[in-house]
Structure formats: C-alpha cells, structure tokens
Amino acid sequence: MPSILFYLYITNLTLLILHEMDSTYWKEWDLFHLPGGQPGFLLMHLPLWPLAIYGAVQVWLGTAAGTVYAVVVGVAGLIGFGLHTYFLRTGHPEFNVPVSKAIIWGMLLFSLLQFVVILF
C-alpha cells in the first residue's frame, strides 16, 4: 500500500503539469526571457516528465530516492508559487485568472503538505 506521500506527490506533480500546460498559453518563455520560444520551452520540459514519473515509482516503493524526488517536486511547487506570486504582485497579467491562481495556490498547499509528511 503506498504512503500518503505518494498521493501528495502525484497530486502536486499533476498541478505542476497543469501549470506548465497553462504556461504555454501565457507564453511563459517570454515572461522569463527564455531562448527558443515555444519549441525551446517544450524541449526543455521533455526530460523532466520521465524523471518525475520515475520519481513517482520511487515514492511508491518508499525508497530514499523517492524521498529525494518528493523534496524536488515540493521545492518546484514552492518556487513556482513564489515566482508567479512575485510576477502577479508586480503587475504582470500572465496567470491572473482564477484557474491559474488555483493551480499556483494548489502547488503551494501540496508542496507544504509534502514537506510536513517528509519531515514528520
């Protein structure tokens, strides 16, 4: 039976993936001044998803590597929340709609929950 950490990881990973899907709509590569436009943005994410899925397997198995993957996904959620909160507060219109904000706040919530489970 998988631990609660597995379900938190999968939920947070789903929110991160949804956020990245939303990011293509908002052209996040322009917001962060990333080279390569949409193709570069998509290619940048290509190696991330197999790693994240492998991490889910490790979390499911309860390995030490799974804990590391859970920390990385949790940190990614916190960074995503922090950066986009900063951009919203400085007047950037990207991600300033209810569904985008809900995803970003969900990343914060599930990242914090992951850390609570990891630490305690």
PDB file of N, CA and C in Angstrom:
ATOM      1  N   MET A   1       0.846  -1.183   0.000  1.00  0.00           N
ATOM      2  CA  MET A   1       0.000   0.000   0.000  1.00  0.00           C
ATOM      3  C   MET A   1       0.890   1.245   0.000  1.00  0.00           C
ATOM      4  N   PRO A   2       0.682   2.147  -0.933  1.00  0.00           N
ATOM      5  CA  PRO A   2       1.517   3.352  -0.988  1.00  0.00           C
ATOM      6  C   PRO A   2       1.241   4.270   0.201  1.00  0.00           C
ATOM      7  N   SER A   3       2.234   5.058   0.507  1.00  0.00           N
ATOM      8  CA  SER A   3       2.109   6.010   1.608  1.00  0.00           C
ATOM      9  C   SER A   3       1.351   7.256   1.151  1.00  0.00           C
ATOM     10  N   ILE A   4       0.969   8.051   2.127  1.00  0.00           N
ATOM     11  CA  ILE A   4       0.300   9.324   1.830  1.00  0.00           C
ATOM     12  C   ILE A   4       1.212  10.216   0.987  1.00  0.00           C
ATOM     13  N   LEU A   5       2.530  10.070   1.160  1.00  0.00           N
ATOM     14  CA  LEU A   5       3.473  10.868   0.377  1.00  0.00           C
ATOM     15  C   LEU A   5       3.296  10.608  -1.116  1.00  0.00           C
ATOM     16  N   PHE A   6       3.018   9.380  -1.487  1.00  0.00           N
ATOM     17  CA  PHE A   6       2.805   9.065  -2.899  1.00  0.00           C
ATOM     18  C   PHE A   6       1.629   9.865  -3.459  1.00  0.00           C
ATOM     19  N   TYR A   7       0.529   9.887  -2.741  1.00  0.00           N
ATOM     20  CA  TYR A   7      -0.659  10.606  -3.217  1.00  0.00           C
ATOM     21  C   TYR A   7      -0.428  12.121  -3.258  1.00  0.00           C
ATOM     22  N   LEU A   8       0.306  12.629  -2.288  1.00  0.00           N
ATOM     23  CA  LEU A   8       0.652  14.058  -2.309  1.00  0.00           C
ATOM     24  C   LEU A   8       1.560  14.357  -3.496  1.00  0.00           C
ATOM     25  N   TYR A   9       2.533  13.497  -3.730  1.00  0.00           N
ATOM     26  CA  TYR A   9       3.467  13.660  -4.847  1.00  0.00           C
ATOM     27  C   TYR A   9       2.702  13.679  -6.171  1.00  0.00           C
ATOM     28  N   ILE A  10       1.822  12.698  -6.369  1.00  0.00           N
ATOM     29  CA  ILE A  10       1.059  12.610  -7.620  1.00  0.00           C
ATOM     30  C   ILE A  10       0.169  13.838  -7.796  1.00  0.00           C
ATOM     31  N   THR A  11      -0.468  14.277  -6.735  1.00  0.00           N
ATOM     32  CA  THR A  11      -1.334  15.457  -6.823  1.00  0.00           C
ATOM     33  C   THR A  11      -0.517  16.695  -7.152  1.00  0.00           C
ATOM     34  N   ASN A  12       0.603  16.878  -6.466  1.00  0.00           N
ATOM     35  CA  ASN A  12       1.447  18.044  -6.723  1.00  0.00           C
ATOM     36  C   ASN A  12       2.037  17.982  -8.124  1.00  0.00           C
ATOM     37  N   LEU A  13       2.464  16.807  -8.543  1.00  0.00           N
ATOM     38  CA  LEU A  13       3.004  16.649  -9.893  1.00  0.00           C
ATOM     39  C   LEU A  13       1.931  16.979 -10.935  1.00  0.00           C
ATOM     40  N   THR A  14       0.708  16.555 -10.697  1.00  0.00           N
ATOM     41  CA  THR A  14      -0.400  16.884 -11.602  1.00  0.00           C
ATOM     42  C   THR A  14      -0.596  18.388 -11.678  1.00  0.00           C
ATOM     43  N   LEU A  15      -0.537  19.061 -10.534  1.00  0.00           N
ATOM     44  CA  LEU A  15      -0.668  20.523 -10.527  1.00  0.00           C
ATOM     45  C   LEU A  15       0.488  21.181 -11.277  1.00  0.00           C
ATOM     46  N   LEU A  16       1.692  20.672 -11.088  1.00  0.00           N
ATOM     47  CA  LEU A  16       2.839  21.220 -11.826  1.00  0.00           C
ATOM     48  C   LEU A  16       2.680  21.030 -13.332  1.00  0.00           C
ATOM     49  N   ILE A  17       2.198  19.870 -13.744  1.00  0.00           N
ATOM     50  CA  ILE A  17       1.980  19.618 -15.168  1.00  0.00           C
ATOM     51  C   ILE A  17       0.887  20.546 -15.705  1.00  0.00           C
ATOM     52  N   LEU A  18      -0.189  20.680 -14.945  1.00  0.00           N
ATOM     53  CA  LEU A  18      -1.250  21.612 -15.357  1.00  0.00           C
ATOM     54  C   LEU A  18      -0.707  23.032 -15.478  1.00  0.00           C
ATOM     55  N   HIS A  19       0.129  23.408 -14.523  1.00  0.00           N
ATOM     56  CA  HIS A  19       0.719  24.747 -14.581  1.00  0.00           C
ATOM     57  C   HIS A  19       1.571  24.916 -15.837  1.00  0.00           C
ATOM     58  N   GLU A  20       2.334  23.906 -16.182  1.00  0.00           N
ATOM     59  CA  GLU A  20       3.161  24.008 -17.383  1.00  0.00           C
ATOM     60  C   GLU A  20       2.302  24.043 -18.647  1.00  0.00           C
ATOM     61  N   MET A  21       1.185  23.343 -18.631  1.00  0.00           N
ATOM     62  CA  MET A  21       0.244  23.442 -19.758  1.00  0.00           C
ATOM     63  C   MET A  21      -0.292  24.870 -19.845  1.00  0.00           C
ATOM     64  N   ASP A  22      -0.659  25.430 -18.698  1.00  0.00           N
ATOM     65  CA  ASP A  22      -1.134  26.811 -18.631  1.00  0.00           C
ATOM     66  C   ASP A  22      -0.036  27.779 -19.085  1.00  0.00           C
ATOM     67  N   SER A  23       1.202  27.420 -18.778  1.00  0.00           N
ATOM     68  CA  SER A  23       2.344  28.264 -19.144  1.00  0.00           C
ATOM     69  C   SER A  23       2.495  28.424 -20.651  1.00  0.00           C
ATOM     70  N   THR A  24       2.120  27.402 -21.403  1.00  0.00           N
ATOM     71  CA  THR A  24       2.217  27.546 -22.856  1.00  0.00           C
ATOM     72  C   THR A  24       1.191  28.556 -23.360  1.00  0.00           C
ATOM     73  N   TYR A  25       0.026  28.601 -22.712  1.00  0.00           N
ATOM     74  CA  TYR A  25      -0.974  29.600 -23.094  1.00  0.00           C
ATOM     75  C   TYR A  25      -0.450  31.013 -22.828  1.00  0.00           C
ATOM     76  N   TRP A  26       0.183  31.198 -21.672  1.00  0.00           N
ATOM     77  CA  TRP A  26       0.655  32.518 -21.268  1.00  0.00           C
ATOM     78  C   TRP A  26       2.027  32.849 -21.845  1.00  0.00           C
ATOM     79  N   LYS A  27       2.603  31.953 -22.626  1.00  0.00           N
ATOM     80  CA  LYS A  27       3.922  32.154 -23.237  1.00  0.00           C
ATOM     81  C   LYS A  27       4.971  32.487 -22.168  1.00  0.00           C
ATOM     82  N   GLU A  28       5.086  31.565 -21.229  1.00  0.00           N
ATOM     83  CA  GLU A  28       5.983  31.775 -20.091  1.00  0.00           C
ATOM     84  C   GLU A  28       7.428  32.018 -20.511  1.00  0.00           C
ATOM     85  N   TRP A  29       7.821  31.501 -21.656  1.00  0.00           N
ATOM     86  CA  TRP A  29       9.182  31.720 -22.133  1.00  0.00           C
ATOM     87  C   TRP A  29       9.456  33.205 -22.318  1.00  0.00           C
ATOM     88  N   ASP A  30       8.436  33.991 -22.669  1.00  0.00           N
ATOM     89  CA  ASP A  30       8.617  35.437 -22.772  1.00  0.00           C
ATOM     90  C   ASP A  30       8.728  36.076 -21.390  1.00  0.00           C
ATOM     91  N   LEU A  31       7.938  35.604 -20.449  1.00  0.00           N
ATOM     92  CA  LEU A  31       7.959  36.145 -19.092  1.00  0.00           C
ATOM     93  C   LEU A  31       9.334  35.969 -18.453  1.00  0.00           C
ATOM     94  N   PHE A  32       9.965  34.826 -18.698  1.00  0.00           N
ATOM     95  CA  PHE A  32      11.277  34.533 -18.117  1.00  0.00           C
ATOM     96  C   PHE A  32      12.423  34.807 -19.088  1.00  0.00           C
ATOM     97  N   HIS A  33      12.120  35.364 -20.250  1.00  0.00           N
ATOM     98  CA  HIS A  33      13.131  35.683 -21.268  1.00  0.00           C
ATOM     99  C   HIS A  33      13.973  34.463 -21.631  1.00  0.00           C
ATOM    100  N   LEU A  34      13.283  33.327 -21.845  1.00  0.00           N
ATOM    101  CA  LEU A  34      13.968  32.094 -22.216  1.00  0.00           C
ATOM    102  C   LEU A  34      14.162  32.041 -23.727  1.00  0.00           C
ATOM    103  N   PRO A  35      15.306  31.593 -24.183  1.00  0.00           N
ATOM    104  CA  PRO A  35      15.529  31.491 -25.622  1.00  0.00           C
ATOM    105  C   PRO A  35      14.766  30.304 -26.211  1.00  0.00           C
ATOM    106  N   GLY A  36      14.518  30.375 -27.496  1.00  0.00           N
ATOM    107  CA  GLY A  36      13.948  29.230 -28.204  1.00  0.00           C
ATOM    108  C   GLY A  36      12.450  29.250 -28.393  1.00  0.00           C
ATOM    109  N   GLY A  37      11.766  30.219 -27.781  1.00  0.00           N
ATOM    110  CA  GLY A  37      10.315  30.308 -27.952  1.00  0.00           C
ATOM    111  C   GLY A  37       9.609  29.039 -27.493  1.00  0.00           C
ATOM    112  N   GLN A  38       8.460  28.769 -28.112  1.00  0.00           N
ATOM    113  CA  GLN A  38       7.673  27.607 -27.729  1.00  0.00           C
ATOM    114  C   GLN A  38       8.425  26.292 -27.931  1.00  0.00           C
ATOM    115  N   PRO A  39       9.106  26.089 -29.085  1.00  0.00           N
ATOM    116  CA  PRO A  39       9.824  24.815 -29.239  1.00  0.00           C
ATOM    117  C   PRO A  39      10.876  24.598 -28.148  1.00  0.00           C
ATOM    118  N   GLY A  40      11.624  25.641 -27.825  1.00  0.00           N
ATOM    119  CA  GLY A  40      12.627  25.524 -26.770  1.00  0.00           C
ATOM    120  C   GLY A  40      12.005  25.225 -25.422  1.00  0.00           C
ATOM    121  N   PHE A  41      10.878  25.876 -25.144  1.00  0.00           N
ATOM    122  CA  PHE A  41      10.167  25.666 -23.879  1.00  0.00           C
ATOM    123  C   PHE A  41       9.698  24.222 -23.767  1.00  0.00           C
ATOM    124  N   LEU A  42       9.127  23.700 -24.845  1.00  0.00           N
ATOM    125  CA  LEU A  42       8.663  22.317 -24.835  1.00  0.00           C
ATOM    126  C   LEU A  42       9.819  21.333 -24.697  1.00  0.00           C
ATOM    127  N   LEU A  43      10.895  21.569 -25.447  1.00  0.00           N
ATOM    128  CA  LEU A  43      12.047  20.669 -25.380  1.00  0.00           C
ATOM    129  C   LEU A  43      12.712  20.699 -24.008  1.00  0.00           C
ATOM    130  N   MET A  44      12.685  21.868 -23.355  1.00  0.00           N
ATOM    131  CA  MET A  44      13.254  21.987 -22.022  1.00  0.00           C
ATOM    132  C   MET A  44      12.530  21.061 -21.033  1.00  0.00           C
ATOM    133  N   HIS A  45      11.222  20.867 -21.238  1.00  0.00           N
ATOM    134  CA  HIS A  45      10.434  20.041 -20.334  1.00  0.00           C
ATOM    135  C   HIS A  45      10.497  18.553 -20.655  1.00  0.00           C
ATOM    136  N   LEU A  46      10.942  18.225 -21.851  1.00  0.00           N
ATOM    137  CA  LEU A  46      10.940  16.827 -22.285  1.00  0.00           C
ATOM    138  C   LEU A  46      11.632  15.869 -21.307  1.00  0.00           C
ATOM    139  N   PRO A  47      12.824  16.181 -20.799  1.00  0.00           N
ATOM    140  CA  PRO A  47      13.451  15.231 -19.869  1.00  0.00           C
ATOM    141  C   PRO A  47      12.837  15.244 -18.464  1.00  0.00           C
ATOM    142  N   LEU A  48      12.091  16.280 -18.143  1.00  0.00           N
ATOM    143  CA  LEU A  48      11.558  16.394 -16.785  1.00  0.00           C
ATOM    144  C   LEU A  48      10.460  15.381 -16.482  1.00  0.00           C
ATOM    145  N   TRP A  49       9.575  15.153 -17.432  1.00  0.00           N
ATOM    146  CA  TRP A  49       8.418  14.297 -17.145  1.00  0.00           C
ATOM    147  C   TRP A  49       8.783  12.834 -16.942  1.00  0.00           C
ATOM    148  N   PRO A  50       9.665  12.236 -17.744  1.00  0.00           N
ATOM    149  CA  PRO A  50      10.064  10.852 -17.421  1.00  0.00           C
ATOM    150  C   PRO A  50      10.744  10.747 -16.050  1.00  0.00           C
ATOM    151  N   LEU A  51      11.538  11.766 -15.700  1.00  0.00           N
ATOM    152  CA  LEU A  51      12.172  11.767 -14.382  1.00  0.00           C
ATOM    153  C   LEU A  51      11.124  11.846 -13.270  1.00  0.00           C
ATOM    154  N   ALA A  52      10.113  12.690 -13.474  1.00  0.00           N
ATOM    155  CA  ALA A  52       9.055  12.842 -12.469  1.00  0.00           C
ATOM    156  C   ALA A  52       8.254  11.552 -12.313  1.00  0.00           C
ATOM    157  N   ILE A  53       8.017  10.869 -13.417  1.00  0.00           N
ATOM    158  CA  ILE A  53       7.286   9.594 -13.352  1.00  0.00           C
ATOM    159  C   ILE A  53       8.151   8.533 -12.671  1.00  0.00           C
ATOM    160  N   TYR A  54       9.420   8.503 -12.993  1.00  0.00           N
ATOM    161  CA  TYR A  54      10.328   7.588 -12.297  1.00  0.00           C
ATOM    162  C   TYR A  54      10.331   7.894 -10.798  1.00  0.00           C
ATOM    163  N   GLY A  55      10.303   9.184 -10.465  1.00  0.00           N
ATOM    164  CA  GLY A  55      10.233   9.586  -9.065  1.00  0.00           C
ATOM    165  C   GLY A  55       8.980   9.061  -8.392  1.00  0.00           C
ATOM    166  N   ALA A  56       7.866   9.068  -9.114  1.00  0.00           N
ATOM    167  CA  ALA A  56       6.612   8.544  -8.545  1.00  0.00           C
ATOM    168  C   ALA A  56       6.758   7.068  -8.200  1.00  0.00           C
ATOM    169  N   VAL A  57       7.440   6.327  -9.060  1.00  0.00           N
ATOM    170  CA  VAL A  57       7.675   4.906  -8.775  1.00  0.00           C
ATOM    171  C   VAL A  57       8.523   4.763  -7.513  1.00  0.00           C
ATOM    172  N   GLN A  58       9.543   5.590  -7.393  1.00  0.00           N
ATOM    173  CA  GLN A  58      10.410   5.526  -6.219  1.00  0.00           C
ATOM    174  C   GLN A  58       9.660   5.902  -4.940  1.00  0.00           C
ATOM    175  N   VAL A  59       8.799   6.918  -5.031  1.00  0.00           N
ATOM    176  CA  VAL A  59       7.985   7.288  -3.870  1.00  0.00           C
ATOM    177  C   VAL A  59       7.050   6.135  -3.525  1.00  0.00           C
ATOM    178  N   TRP A  60       6.438   5.512  -4.519  1.00  0.00           N
ATOM    179  CA  TRP A  60       5.546   4.359  -4.314  1.00  0.00           C
ATOM    180  C   TRP A  60       6.281   3.239  -3.565  1.00  0.00           C
ATOM    181  N   LEU A  61       7.532   2.995  -3.983  1.00  0.00           N
ATOM    182  CA  LEU A  61       8.323   1.927  -3.372  1.00  0.00           C
ATOM    183  C   LEU A  61       8.866   2.303  -1.993  1.00  0.00           C
ATOM    184  N   GLY A  62       8.824   3.586  -1.662  1.00  0.00           N
ATOM    185  CA  GLY A  62       9.297   4.035  -0.354  1.00  0.00           C
ATOM    186  C   GLY A  62      10.811   4.085  -0.232  1.00  0.00           C
ATOM    187  N   THR A  63      11.507   4.283  -1.343  1.00  0.00           N
ATOM    188  CA  THR A  63      12.967   4.325  -1.324  1.00  0.00           C
ATOM    189  C   THR A  63      13.470   5.701  -0.885  1.00  0.00           C
ATOM    190  N   ALA A  64      14.756   5.745  -0.548  1.00  0.00           N
ATOM    191  CA  ALA A  64      15.389   7.024  -0.221  1.00  0.00           C
ATOM    192  C   ALA A  64      15.359   7.955  -1.434  1.00  0.00           C
ATOM    193  N   ALA A  65      15.543   7.386  -2.616  1.00  0.00           N
ATOM    194  CA  ALA A  65      15.466   8.196  -3.838  1.00  0.00           C
ATOM    195  C   ALA A  65      14.076   8.811  -3.986  1.00  0.00           C
ATOM    196  N   GLY A  66      13.054   8.070  -3.588  1.00  0.00           N
ATOM    197  CA  GLY A  66      11.696   8.593  -3.640  1.00  0.00           C
ATOM    198  C   GLY A  66      11.528   9.819  -2.763  1.00  0.00           C
ATOM    199  N   THR A  67      12.165   9.796  -1.598  1.00  0.00           N
ATOM    200  CA  THR A  67      12.113  10.968  -0.719  1.00  0.00           C
ATOM    201  C   THR A  67      12.798  12.153  -1.380  1.00  0.00           C
ATOM    202  N   VAL A  68      13.917  11.914  -2.035  1.00  0.00           N
ATOM    203  CA  VAL A  68      14.623  12.993  -2.749  1.00  0.00           C
ATOM    204  C   VAL A  68      13.733  13.560  -3.854  1.00  0.00           C
ATOM    205  N   TYR A  69      13.107  12.694  -4.626  1.00  0.00           N
ATOM    206  CA  TYR A  69      12.203  13.159  -5.685  1.00  0.00           C
ATOM    207  C   TYR A  69      11.054  13.964  -5.094  1.00  0.00           C
ATOM    208  N   ALA A  70      10.509  13.526  -3.966  1.00  0.00           N
ATOM    209  CA  ALA A  70       9.413  14.256  -3.327  1.00  0.00           C
ATOM    210  C   ALA A  70       9.872  15.643  -2.882  1.00  0.00           C
ATOM    211  N   VAL A  71      11.086  15.732  -2.379  1.00  0.00           N
ATOM    212  CA  VAL A  71      11.633  17.039  -1.996  1.00  0.00           C
ATOM    213  C   VAL A  71      11.780  17.928  -3.225  1.00  0.00           C
ATOM    214  N   VAL A  72      12.297  17.376  -4.315  1.00  0.00           N
ATOM    215  CA  VAL A  72      12.500  18.160  -5.546  1.00  0.00           C
ATOM    216  C   VAL A  72      11.165  18.671  -6.079  1.00  0.00           C
ATOM    217  N   VAL A  73      10.145  17.829  -6.118  1.00  0.00           N
ATOM    218  CA  VAL A  73       8.828  18.250  -6.604  1.00  0.00           C
ATOM    219  C   VAL A  73       8.233  19.293  -5.649  1.00  0.00           C
ATOM    220  N   GLY A  74       8.428  19.099  -4.357  1.00  0.00           N
ATOM    221  CA  GLY A  74       7.955  20.084  -3.390  1.00  0.00           C
ATOM    222  C   GLY A  74       8.634  21.439  -3.569  1.00  0.00           C
ATOM    223  N   VAL A  75       9.932  21.419  -3.767  1.00  0.00           N
ATOM    224  CA  VAL A  75      10.675  22.664  -3.999  1.00  0.00           C
ATOM    225  C   VAL A  75      10.211  23.322  -5.296  1.00  0.00           C
ATOM    226  N   ALA A  76       9.982  22.525  -6.331  1.00  0.00           N
ATOM    227  CA  ALA A  76       9.499  23.078  -7.604  1.00  0.00           C
ATOM    228  C   ALA A  76       8.160  23.783  -7.409  1.00  0.00           C
ATOM    229  N   GLY A  77       7.274  23.193  -6.618  1.00  0.00           N
ATOM    230  CA  GLY A  77       5.987  23.817  -6.338  1.00  0.00           C
ATOM    231  C   GLY A  77       6.144  25.122  -5.584  1.00  0.00           C
ATOM    232  N   LEU A  78       7.048  25.153  -4.606  1.00  0.00           N
ATOM    233  CA  LEU A  78       7.285  26.381  -3.844  1.00  0.00           C
ATOM    234  C   LEU A  78       7.896  27.474  -4.713  1.00  0.00           C
ATOM    235  N   ILE A  79       8.843  27.092  -5.551  1.00  0.00           N
ATOM    236  CA  ILE A  79       9.477  28.067  -6.449  1.00  0.00           C
ATOM    237  C   ILE A  79       8.449  28.611  -7.434  1.00  0.00           C
ATOM    238  N   GLY A  80       7.639  27.711  -8.006  1.00  0.00           N
ATOM    239  CA  GLY A  80       6.604  28.160  -8.939  1.00  0.00           C
ATOM    240  C   GLY A  80       5.640  29.131  -8.278  1.00  0.00           C
ATOM    241  N   PHE A  81       5.205  28.800  -7.075  1.00  0.00           N
ATOM    242  CA  PHE A  81       4.314  29.699  -6.346  1.00  0.00           C
ATOM    243  C   PHE A  81       4.996  31.048  -6.097  1.00  0.00           C
ATOM    244  N   GLY A  82       6.223  31.013  -5.615  1.00  0.00           N
ATOM    245  CA  GLY A  82       6.932  32.250  -5.289  1.00  0.00           C
ATOM    246  C   GLY A  82       7.157  33.145  -6.491  1.00  0.00           C
ATOM    247  N   LEU A  83       7.625  32.561  -7.585  1.00  0.00           N
ATOM    248  CA  LEU A  83       7.890  33.364  -8.788  1.00  0.00           C
ATOM    249  C   LEU A  83       6.616  33.973  -9.352  1.00  0.00           C
ATOM    250  N   HIS A  84       5.566  33.181  -9.431  1.00  0.00           N
ATOM    251  CA  HIS A  84       4.338  33.699 -10.039  1.00  0.00           C
ATOM    252  C   HIS A  84       3.616  34.669  -9.120  1.00  0.00           C
ATOM    253  N   THR A  85       3.740  34.492  -7.833  1.00  0.00           N
ATOM    254  CA  THR A  85       3.185  35.472  -6.901  1.00  0.00           C
ATOM    255  C   THR A  85       3.919  36.801  -7.067  1.00  0.00           C
ATOM    256  N   TYR A  86       5.228  36.730  -7.198  1.00  0.00           N
ATOM    257  CA  TYR A  86       6.013  37.949  -7.433  1.00  0.00           C
ATOM    258  C   TYR A  86       5.562  38.641  -8.724  1.00  0.00           C
ATOM    259  N   PHE A  87       5.453  37.879  -9.802  1.00  0.00           N
ATOM    260  CA  PHE A  87       5.052  38.475 -11.075  1.00  0.00           C
ATOM    261  C   PHE A  87       3.644  39.077 -10.998  1.00  0.00           C
ATOM    262  N   LEU A  88       2.729  38.389 -10.338  1.00  0.00           N
ATOM    263  CA  LEU A  88       1.367  38.935 -10.197  1.00  0.00           C
ATOM    264  C   LEU A  88       1.380  40.224  -9.392  1.00  0.00           C
ATOM    265  N   ARG A  89       2.171  40.259  -8.339  1.00  0.00           N
ATOM    266  CA  ARG A  89       2.219  41.461  -7.484  1.00  0.00           C
ATOM    267  C   ARG A  89       2.933  42.620  -8.139  1.00  0.00           C
ATOM    268  N   THR A  90       3.740  42.344  -9.157  1.00  0.00           N
ATOM    269  CA  THR A  90       4.429  43.426  -9.853  1.00  0.00           C
ATOM    270  C   THR A  90       3.712  43.816 -11.145  1.00  0.00           C
ATOM    271  N   GLY A  91       2.468  43.385 -11.276  1.00  0.00           N
ATOM    272  CA  GLY A  91       1.630  43.867 -12.368  1.00  0.00           C
ATOM    273  C   GLY A  91       1.634  43.075 -13.653  1.00  0.00           C
ATOM    274  N   HIS A  92       2.255  41.932 -13.682  1.00  0.00           N
ATOM    275  CA  HIS A  92       2.229  41.112 -14.899  1.00  0.00           C
ATOM    276  C   HIS A  92       0.849  40.469 -15.038  1.00  0.00           C
ATOM    277  N   PRO A  93       0.260  40.526 -16.230  1.00  0.00           N
ATOM    278  CA  PRO A  93      -1.093  39.988 -16.399  1.00  0.00           C
ATOM    279  C   PRO A  93      -1.153  38.468 -16.545  1.00  0.00           C
ATOM    280  N   GLU A  94      -0.003  37.842 -16.811  1.00  0.00           N
ATOM    281  CA  GLU A  94       0.014  36.392 -17.002  1.00  0.00           C
ATOM    282  C   GLU A  94      -0.412  35.683 -15.719  1.00  0.00           C
ATOM    283  N   PHE A  95      -1.203  34.654 -15.879  1.00  0.00           N
ATOM    284  CA  PHE A  95      -1.666  33.797 -14.782  1.00  0.00           C
ATOM    285  C   PHE A  95      -2.618  34.509 -13.820  1.00  0.00           C
ATOM    286  N   ASN A  96      -3.172  35.633 -14.238  1.00  0.00           N
ATOM    287  CA  ASN A  96      -4.043  36.408 -13.357  1.00  0.00           C
ATOM    288  C   ASN A  96      -5.512  36.078 -13.622  1.00  0.00           C
ATOM    289  N   VAL A  97      -5.812  34.795 -13.687  1.00  0.00           N
ATOM    290  CA  VAL A  97      -7.194  34.330 -13.832  1.00  0.00           C
ATOM    291  C   VAL A  97      -7.427  33.268 -12.747  1.00  0.00           C
ATOM    292  N   PRO A  98      -8.681  33.054 -12.349  1.00  0.00           N
ATOM    293  CA  PRO A  98      -8.941  32.148 -11.221  1.00  0.00           C
ATOM    294  C   PRO A  98      -8.344  30.750 -11.356  1.00  0.00           C
ATOM    295  N   VAL A  99      -8.463  30.124 -12.510  1.00  0.00           N
ATOM    296  CA  VAL A  99      -7.947  28.752 -12.630  1.00  0.00           C
ATOM    297  C   VAL A  99      -6.421  28.728 -12.511  1.00  0.00           C
ATOM    298  N   SER A 100      -5.745  29.701 -13.100  1.00  0.00           N
ATOM    299  CA  SER A 100      -4.281  29.759 -12.986  1.00  0.00           C
ATOM    300  C   SER A 100      -3.870  29.972 -11.536  1.00  0.00           C
ATOM    301  N   LYS A 101      -4.552  30.875 -10.857  1.00  0.00           N
ATOM    302  CA  LYS A 101      -4.247  31.134  -9.449  1.00  0.00           C
ATOM    303  C   LYS A 101      -4.533  29.907  -8.585  1.00  0.00           C
ATOM    304  N   ALA A 102      -5.617  29.195  -8.878  1.00  0.00           N
ATOM    305  CA  ALA A 102      -5.949  27.992  -8.106  1.00  0.00           C
ATOM    306  C   ALA A 102      -4.855  26.938  -8.256  1.00  0.00           C
ATOM    307  N   ILE A 103      -4.339  26.779  -9.459  1.00  0.00           N
ATOM    308  CA  ILE A 103      -3.255  25.818  -9.686  1.00  0.00           C
ATOM    309  C   ILE A 103      -2.017  26.233  -8.900  1.00  0.00           C
ATOM    310  N   ILE A 104      -1.670  27.510  -8.965  1.00  0.00           N
ATOM    311  CA  ILE A 104      -0.479  28.012  -8.274  1.00  0.00           C
ATOM    312  C   ILE A 104      -0.624  27.865  -6.754  1.00  0.00           C
ATOM    313  N   TRP A 105      -1.780  28.201  -6.214  1.00  0.00           N
ATOM    314  CA  TRP A 105      -2.019  28.042  -4.774  1.00  0.00           C
ATOM    315  C   TRP A 105      -2.055  26.563  -4.395  1.00  0.00           C
ATOM    316  N   GLY A 106      -2.565  25.722  -5.270  1.00  0.00           N
ATOM    317  CA  GLY A 106      -2.555  24.282  -5.021  1.00  0.00           C
ATOM    318  C   GLY A 106      -1.141  23.744  -4.944  1.00  0.00           C
ATOM    319  N   MET A 107      -0.257  24.263  -5.803  1.00  0.00           N
ATOM    320  CA  MET A 107       1.145  23.855  -5.751  1.00  0.00           C
ATOM    321  C   MET A 107       1.754  24.208  -4.395  1.00  0.00           C
ATOM    322  N   LEU A 108       1.430  25.383  -3.883  1.00  0.00           N
ATOM    323  CA  LEU A 108       1.920  25.774  -2.560  1.00  0.00           C
ATOM    324  C   LEU A 108       1.394  24.814  -1.495  1.00  0.00           C
ATOM    325  N   LEU A 109       0.100  24.596  -1.491  1.00  0.00           N
ATOM    326  CA  LEU A 109      -0.518  23.750  -0.480  1.00  0.00           C
ATOM    327  C   LEU A 109       0.065  22.332  -0.491  1.00  0.00           C
ATOM    328  N   PHE A 110       0.113  21.719  -1.658  1.00  0.00           N
ATOM    329  CA  PHE A 110       0.586  20.338  -1.714  1.00  0.00           C
ATOM    330  C   PHE A 110       2.087  20.225  -1.505  1.00  0.00           C
ATOM    331  N   SER A 111       2.842  21.261  -1.859  1.00  0.00           N
ATOM    332  CA  SER A 111       4.274  21.255  -1.548  1.00  0.00           C
ATOM    333  C   SER A 111       4.477  21.293  -0.035  1.00  0.00           C
ATOM    334  N   LEU A 112       3.737  22.167   0.639  1.00  0.00           N
ATOM    335  CA  LEU A 112       3.860  22.247   2.099  1.00  0.00           C
ATOM    336  C   LEU A 112       3.427  20.941   2.758  1.00  0.00           C
ATOM    337  N   LEU A 113       2.350  20.346   2.268  1.00  0.00           N
ATOM    338  CA  LEU A 113       1.905  19.069   2.823  1.00  0.00           C
ATOM    339  C   LEU A 113       2.954  17.977   2.614  1.00  0.00           C
ATOM    340  N   GLN A 114       3.587  17.978   1.446  1.00  0.00           N
ATOM    341  CA  GLN A 114       4.645  17.002   1.202  1.00  0.00           C
ATOM    342  C   GLN A 114       5.754  17.156   2.226  1.00  0.00           C
ATOM    343  N   PHE A 115       6.162  18.405   2.500  1.00  0.00           N
ATOM    344  CA  PHE A 115       7.253  18.625   3.446  1.00  0.00           C
ATOM    345  C   PHE A 115       6.857  18.225   4.862  1.00  0.00           C
ATOM    346  N   VAL A 116       5.599  18.445   5.229  1.00  0.00           N
ATOM    347  CA  VAL A 116       5.143  18.004   6.547  1.00  0.00           C
ATOM    348  C   VAL A 116       5.273  16.492   6.663  1.00  0.00           C
ATOM    349  N   VAL A 117       4.831  15.774   5.642  1.00  0.00           N
ATOM    350  CA  VAL A 117       4.905  14.304   5.669  1.00  0.00           C
ATOM    351  C   VAL A 117       6.360  13.843   5.658  1.00  0.00           C
ATOM    352  N   ILE A 118       7.206  14.476   4.875  1.00  0.00           N
ATOM    353  CA  ILE A 118       8.619  14.092   4.810  1.00  0.00           C
ATOM    354  C   ILE A 118       9.309  14.325   6.153  1.00  0.00           C
ATOM    355  N   LEU A 119       9.022  15.448   6.760  1.00  0.00           N
ATOM    356  CA  LEU A 119       9.728  15.812   7.995  1.00  0.00           C
ATOM    357  C   LEU A 119       9.192  15.103   9.233  1.00  0.00           C
ATOM    358  N   PHE A 120       7.924  14.741   9.204  1.00  0.00           N
ATOM    359  CA  PHE A 120       7.332  14.135  10.408  1.00  0.00           C
ATOM    360  C   PHE A 120       6.881  12.737  10.099  1.00  0.00           C
TER     361      PHE A 120
END
